[in-house]
Amino acid sequence: MLADVVDAIVKNPIDINEVKSVRNTISNRLIAAKDSGNITTDQFLTAGKIEGGLDVIIAMLENQATTDEIRIHVDSILERIQAISE
């Protein structure tokens, strides 16, 4: 799942539809994992921050933010992913 996030946000240009699809997939998987008890509350919250970061990127793309501004948020998400992958 995290590899899908990385793949979607490191492209140049970023495909907003792909980011939306990945965000929706993450949302559905998080809800299912939380409901089934397969992830802890901390894991759920951490993954939710990544999902929220994708929402920010989507909004920035919809509002035609500059590539540099978007890249700042992409880098932030990548750092979060790296932190939970270690």
C-alpha atoms as a PDB file:
ATOM      1  CA  MET A   1       0.000   0.000   0.000  1.00  0.00           C
ATOM      2  CA  LEU A   2       2.772   2.464   0.886  1.00  0.00           C
ATOM      3  CA  ALA A   3       4.576   1.659  -2.354  1.00  0.00           C
ATOM      4  CA  ASP A   4       1.426   2.732  -4.218  1.00  0.00           C
ATOM      5  CA  VAL A   5       1.484   6.065  -2.395  1.00  0.00           C
ATOM      6  CA  VAL A   6       5.129   6.637  -3.262  1.00  0.00           C
ATOM      7  CA  ASP A   7       4.571   5.671  -6.900  1.00  0.00           C
ATOM      8  CA  ALA A   8       1.640   8.082  -7.200  1.00  0.00           C
ATOM      9  CA  ILE A   9       3.328  11.127  -5.683  1.00  0.00           C
ATOM     10  CA  VAL A  10       6.838  10.951  -7.112  1.00  0.00           C
ATOM     11  CA  LYS A  11       5.706  11.198 -10.730  1.00  0.00           C
ATOM     12  CA  ASN A  12       6.266  14.386 -12.633  1.00  0.00           C
ATOM     13  CA  PRO A  13       3.645  15.556 -13.298  1.00  0.00           C
ATOM     14  CA  ILE A  14       1.531  14.034 -10.569  1.00  0.00           C
ATOM     15  CA  ASP A  15      -1.688  12.437 -11.849  1.00  0.00           C
ATOM     16  CA  ILE A  16      -4.438  13.755  -9.578  1.00  0.00           C
ATOM     17  CA  ASN A  17      -6.756  10.865 -10.434  1.00  0.00           C
ATOM     18  CA  GLU A  18      -4.113   8.347  -9.380  1.00  0.00           C
ATOM     19  CA  VAL A  19      -3.542  10.190  -6.097  1.00  0.00           C
ATOM     20  CA  LYS A  20      -7.303  10.239  -5.456  1.00  0.00           C
ATOM     21  CA  SER A  21      -7.521   6.526  -6.163  1.00  0.00           C
ATOM     22  CA  VAL A  22      -4.642   5.731  -3.809  1.00  0.00           C
ATOM     23  CA  ARG A  23      -6.161   7.932  -1.099  1.00  0.00           C
ATOM     24  CA  ASN A  24      -9.508   6.147  -1.401  1.00  0.00           C
ATOM     25  CA  THR A  25      -7.816   2.748  -1.276  1.00  0.00           C
ATOM     26  CA  ILE A  26      -5.878   3.722   1.837  1.00  0.00           C
ATOM     27  CA  SER A  27      -9.021   5.029   3.495  1.00  0.00           C
ATOM     28  CA  ASN A  28     -10.938   1.809   2.839  1.00  0.00           C
ATOM     29  CA  ARG A  29      -8.048  -0.409   3.953  1.00  0.00           C
ATOM     30  CA  LEU A  30      -7.512   1.602   7.131  1.00  0.00           C
ATOM     31  CA  ILE A  31     -11.139   1.353   8.121  1.00  0.00           C
ATOM     32  CA  ALA A  32     -11.177  -2.393   7.471  1.00  0.00           C
ATOM     33  CA  ALA A  33      -7.902  -2.952   9.346  1.00  0.00           C
ATOM     34  CA  LYS A  34      -9.046  -0.885  12.329  1.00  0.00           C
ATOM     35  CA  ASP A  35     -12.441  -2.594  12.464  1.00  0.00           C
ATOM     36  CA  SER A  36     -10.837  -6.032  12.334  1.00  0.00           C
ATOM     37  CA  GLY A  37      -8.237  -5.162  14.968  1.00  0.00           C
ATOM     38  CA  ASN A  38      -5.345  -5.789  12.576  1.00  0.00           C
ATOM     39  CA  ILE A  39      -3.698  -2.444  13.364  1.00  0.00           C
ATOM     40  CA  THR A  40      -3.222  -0.493  16.545  1.00  0.00           C
ATOM     41  CA  THR A  41      -4.668   2.934  17.174  1.00  0.00           C
ATOM     42  CA  ASP A  42      -1.178   4.441  16.793  1.00  0.00           C
ATOM     43  CA  GLN A  43      -0.690   2.747  13.429  1.00  0.00           C
ATOM     44  CA  PHE A  44      -4.131   3.909  12.348  1.00  0.00           C
ATOM     45  CA  LEU A  45      -3.354   7.509  13.308  1.00  0.00           C
ATOM     46  CA  THR A  46       0.041   7.465  11.596  1.00  0.00           C
ATOM     47  CA  ALA A  47      -1.452   6.108   8.392  1.00  0.00           C
ATOM     48  CA  GLY A  48      -4.223   8.688   8.697  1.00  0.00           C
ATOM     49  CA  LYS A  49      -1.598  11.429   8.605  1.00  0.00           C
ATOM     50  CA  ILE A  50      -0.390  10.056   5.279  1.00  0.00           C
ATOM     51  CA  GLU A  51      -3.958   9.981   4.007  1.00  0.00           C
ATOM     52  CA  GLY A  52      -4.402  13.583   5.161  1.00  0.00           C
ATOM     53  CA  GLY A  53      -1.212  14.555   3.367  1.00  0.00           C
ATOM     54  CA  LEU A  54      -2.632  13.105   0.171  1.00  0.00           C
ATOM     55  CA  ASP A  55      -5.748  15.244   0.676  1.00  0.00           C
ATOM     56  CA  VAL A  56      -3.520  18.318   0.898  1.00  0.00           C
ATOM     57  CA  ILE A  57      -1.716  17.372  -2.316  1.00  0.00           C
ATOM     58  CA  ILE A  58      -5.024  16.792  -4.089  1.00  0.00           C
ATOM     59  CA  ALA A  59      -6.291  20.212  -2.986  1.00  0.00           C
ATOM     60  CA  MET A  60      -3.058  21.835  -4.105  1.00  0.00           C
ATOM     61  CA  LEU A  61      -3.289  20.171  -7.513  1.00  0.00           C
ATOM     62  CA  GLU A  62      -6.922  21.241  -7.878  1.00  0.00           C
ATOM     63  CA  ASN A  63      -5.956  24.810  -7.023  1.00  0.00           C
ATOM     64  CA  GLN A  64      -2.964  24.778  -9.358  1.00  0.00           C
ATOM     65  CA  ALA A  65      -0.289  25.276  -6.706  1.00  0.00           C
ATOM     66  CA  THR A  66       3.259  25.496  -7.921  1.00  0.00           C
ATOM     67  CA  THR A  67       5.334  22.359  -8.311  1.00  0.00           C
ATOM     68  CA  ASP A  68       7.711  23.587  -5.611  1.00  0.00           C
ATOM     69  CA  GLU A  69       4.880  24.015  -3.102  1.00  0.00           C
ATOM     70  CA  ILE A  70       3.511  20.571  -3.872  1.00  0.00           C
ATOM     71  CA  ARG A  71       6.984  19.026  -3.634  1.00  0.00           C
ATOM     72  CA  ILE A  72       7.292  20.256  -0.020  1.00  0.00           C
ATOM     73  CA  HIS A  73       4.201  18.239   0.927  1.00  0.00           C
ATOM     74  CA  VAL A  74       5.309  15.242  -1.130  1.00  0.00           C
ATOM     75  CA  ASP A  75       8.625  15.233   0.740  1.00  0.00           C
ATOM     76  CA  SER A  76       6.758  15.367   4.046  1.00  0.00           C
ATOM     77  CA  ILE A  77       4.675  12.319   3.143  1.00  0.00           C
ATOM     78  CA  LEU A  78       7.766  10.458   1.973  1.00  0.00           C
ATOM     79  CA  GLU A  79       9.444  11.176   5.326  1.00  0.00           C
ATOM     80  CA  ARG A  80       6.419   9.804   7.204  1.00  0.00           C
ATOM     81  CA  ILE A  81       6.412   6.682   5.080  1.00  0.00           C
ATOM     82  CA  GLN A  82      10.103   6.196   5.625  1.00  0.00           C
ATOM     83  CA  ALA A  83       9.695   6.631   9.392  1.00  0.00           C
ATOM     84  CA  ILE A  84       7.027   3.930   9.681  1.00  0.00           C
ATOM     85  CA  SER A  85       8.833   1.600   7.298  1.00  0.00           C
ATOM     86  CA  GLU A  86      11.978   1.404   9.421  1.00  0.00           C
END
